[in-house]
Amino acid sequence: MKMIARTCCIALGIISLVLFFATIGKSSKQTGILNDADDDGLVQIVLSCPCTVGPLGVIAGRSYSEKIRKKALNTLVSKYPDWNWDLVKQKRIKPGMTEHELRLAWGNPHSIQHSGSMDKWIHIRVNRSLIVKNVYVENGRVVSWN
């Protein structure tokens, strides 16, 4: 039993070191990425929380620091003051929202099904049960959902 506990501690220590060294020097690289990002990129930076990409995503550079995510969000807020920021903060959507607002409110969809000018975004959430929401987007704007 002691051997298993010792092995687990060593493994956790190695993972911690890898995560630590993966983030050294990342801040300056992240600032450059922020300056070069278009609106899609800014939205993805805001959504790139370590809790959503997992440890391997952090190592692979798909997660950004809280400071960079806040800067990306502030850039979007100042660039698009007419967006529904109160609803986004409440994780709610409404017809007419842009795809970016939808992503910021509900996160990236599990999948998108394309059909002519109408797209069906499938969002899956797990609370106490599995919840599947279909959001219908036409010409980059939310039309309806169920």
Protein backbone atom coordinates (compact mmCIF):
# COMPACT_ATOMS: atom_id res chain seq x y z
CA MET A 1 0.00 0.00 0.00
CA LYS A 2 2.85 2.38 0.87
CA MET A 3 4.47 1.61 -2.49
CA ILE A 4 1.28 2.59 -4.37
CA ALA A 5 0.94 5.82 -2.38
CA ARG A 6 4.60 6.68 -3.00
CA THR A 7 4.22 5.98 -6.74
CA CYS A 8 1.11 8.19 -6.91
CA CYS A 9 2.95 11.03 -5.13
CA ILE A 10 5.89 10.77 -7.51
CA ALA A 11 3.54 10.76 -10.53
CA LEU A 12 1.67 13.82 -9.24
CA GLY A 13 4.98 15.60 -8.62
CA ILE A 14 6.15 14.89 -12.17
CA ILE A 15 2.84 16.11 -13.64
CA SER A 16 3.06 19.28 -11.54
CA LEU A 17 6.59 19.97 -12.76
CA VAL A 18 5.59 19.41 -16.38
CA LEU A 19 2.66 21.81 -16.01
CA PHE A 20 4.89 24.37 -14.29
CA PHE A 21 7.60 24.28 -16.96
CA ALA A 22 4.97 24.31 -19.73
CA THR A 23 3.75 27.68 -18.46
CA ILE A 24 7.16 29.36 -18.05
CA GLY A 25 7.61 31.94 -20.78
CA LYS A 26 4.08 31.35 -21.97
CA SER A 27 2.88 34.79 -20.84
CA SER A 28 4.87 36.76 -23.42
CA LYS A 29 3.87 34.32 -26.16
CA GLN A 30 0.24 34.64 -25.08
CA THR A 31 0.36 38.44 -25.25
CA GLY A 32 1.58 38.20 -28.85
CA ILE A 33 -1.21 35.76 -29.69
CA LEU A 34 -3.74 38.16 -28.17
CA ASN A 35 -2.50 41.02 -30.36
CA ASP A 36 -2.79 38.88 -33.52
CA ALA A 37 -6.17 37.30 -32.74
CA ASP A 38 -9.30 38.00 -34.78
CA ASP A 39 -12.78 37.88 -33.19
CA ASP A 40 -12.96 34.07 -33.46
CA GLY A 41 -9.55 33.80 -31.82
CA LEU A 42 -10.49 36.20 -29.01
CA VAL A 43 -13.63 34.18 -28.27
CA GLN A 44 -11.62 30.95 -28.14
CA ILE A 45 -9.06 32.58 -25.82
CA VAL A 46 -11.88 33.62 -23.47
CA LEU A 47 -13.25 30.05 -23.53
CA SER A 48 -9.83 28.41 -23.04
CA CYS A 49 -10.06 27.70 -19.34
CA PRO A 50 -7.80 24.92 -17.94
CA CYS A 51 -10.98 23.29 -16.60
CA THR A 52 -12.27 22.81 -20.17
CA VAL A 53 -9.06 21.68 -21.89
CA GLY A 54 -7.67 19.43 -19.13
CA PRO A 55 -4.01 18.93 -18.18
CA LEU A 56 -2.94 17.76 -21.64
CA GLY A 57 -4.59 20.82 -23.19
CA VAL A 58 -2.67 23.07 -20.82
CA ILE A 59 0.59 21.38 -21.80
CA ALA A 60 -0.29 21.62 -25.50
CA GLY A 61 -0.87 25.38 -25.16
CA ARG A 62 -4.64 25.40 -25.67
CA SER A 63 -5.22 27.17 -22.37
CA TYR A 64 -4.41 30.77 -21.54
CA SER A 65 -3.78 32.52 -18.24
CA GLU A 66 -6.64 34.23 -16.45
CA LYS A 67 -4.99 37.60 -17.19
CA ILE A 68 -4.90 36.92 -20.94
CA ARG A 69 -8.48 35.61 -20.94
CA LYS A 70 -9.65 38.79 -19.17
CA LYS A 71 -7.77 40.97 -21.68
CA ALA A 72 -9.40 39.09 -24.56
CA LEU A 73 -12.84 39.54 -22.97
CA ASN A 74 -12.22 43.24 -22.33
CA THR A 75 -11.14 43.65 -25.98
CA LEU A 76 -14.41 42.08 -27.14
CA VAL A 77 -16.49 44.18 -24.71
CA SER A 78 -14.90 47.41 -25.90
CA LYS A 79 -15.12 46.38 -29.57
CA TYR A 80 -18.78 45.25 -29.36
CA PRO A 81 -20.57 47.24 -26.63
CA ASP A 82 -23.93 46.49 -28.25
CA TRP A 83 -23.65 42.73 -27.66
CA ASN A 84 -25.89 41.21 -24.97
CA TRP A 85 -23.19 41.08 -22.28
CA ASP A 86 -25.67 40.77 -19.40
CA LEU A 87 -27.22 37.67 -20.99
CA VAL A 88 -23.79 36.22 -21.80
CA LYS A 89 -22.78 36.64 -18.16
CA GLN A 90 -26.00 34.87 -17.10
CA LYS A 91 -25.30 32.03 -19.61
CA ARG A 92 -28.54 32.84 -21.43
CA ILE A 93 -29.23 33.35 -25.12
CA LYS A 94 -31.90 35.06 -27.20
CA PRO A 95 -32.85 35.29 -30.88
CA GLY A 96 -30.63 37.67 -32.83
CA MET A 97 -27.46 36.93 -30.87
CA THR A 98 -24.32 36.40 -32.93
CA GLU A 99 -22.47 33.09 -33.06
CA HIS A 100 -19.76 34.68 -30.90
CA GLU A 101 -22.27 35.68 -28.22
CA LEU A 102 -23.72 32.16 -28.34
CA ARG A 103 -20.26 30.62 -27.84
CA LEU A 104 -19.46 33.00 -24.99
CA ALA A 105 -22.78 32.24 -23.26
CA TRP A 106 -22.97 28.46 -23.74
CA GLY A 107 -19.45 27.48 -24.79
CA ASN A 108 -18.42 25.65 -27.92
CA PRO A 109 -21.04 23.27 -29.29
CA HIS A 110 -20.60 19.51 -29.17
CA SER A 111 -21.26 19.50 -32.92
CA ILE A 112 -22.69 21.63 -35.72
CA GLN A 113 -24.93 20.22 -38.44
CA HIS A 114 -25.03 22.30 -41.63
CA SER A 115 -28.17 22.38 -43.77
CA GLY A 116 -28.38 25.14 -46.38
CA SER A 117 -28.33 28.54 -44.69
CA MET A 118 -29.51 27.08 -41.34
CA ASP A 119 -27.08 25.41 -38.94
CA LYS A 120 -28.05 23.30 -35.93
CA TRP A 121 -25.64 23.69 -33.03
CA ILE A 122 -25.86 20.83 -30.56
CA HIS A 123 -24.94 21.74 -26.99
CA ILE A 124 -24.69 19.03 -24.36
CA ARG A 125 -24.69 19.86 -20.66
CA VAL A 126 -24.53 17.62 -17.66
CA ASN A 127 -26.18 18.90 -14.49
CA ARG A 128 -28.11 16.32 -12.54
CA SER A 129 -29.04 14.78 -15.86
CA LEU A 130 -27.93 14.96 -19.47
CA ILE A 131 -29.37 18.01 -21.26
CA VAL A 132 -29.19 18.34 -25.03
CA LYS A 133 -30.07 21.73 -26.54
CA ASN A 134 -30.36 22.36 -30.26
CA VAL A 135 -29.71 25.96 -31.28
CA TYR A 136 -30.65 27.01 -34.80
CA VAL A 137 -28.38 29.60 -36.37
CA GLU A 138 -29.05 31.32 -39.69
CA ASN A 139 -26.66 33.77 -41.33
CA GLY A 140 -24.55 33.91 -38.16
CA ARG A 141 -27.48 34.77 -35.84
CA VAL A 142 -29.44 32.70 -33.32
CA VAL A 143 -32.95 32.05 -34.65
CA SER A 144 -34.38 29.62 -32.09
CA TRP A 145 -33.56 26.67 -29.82
CA ASN A 146 -35.21 23.77 -28.06
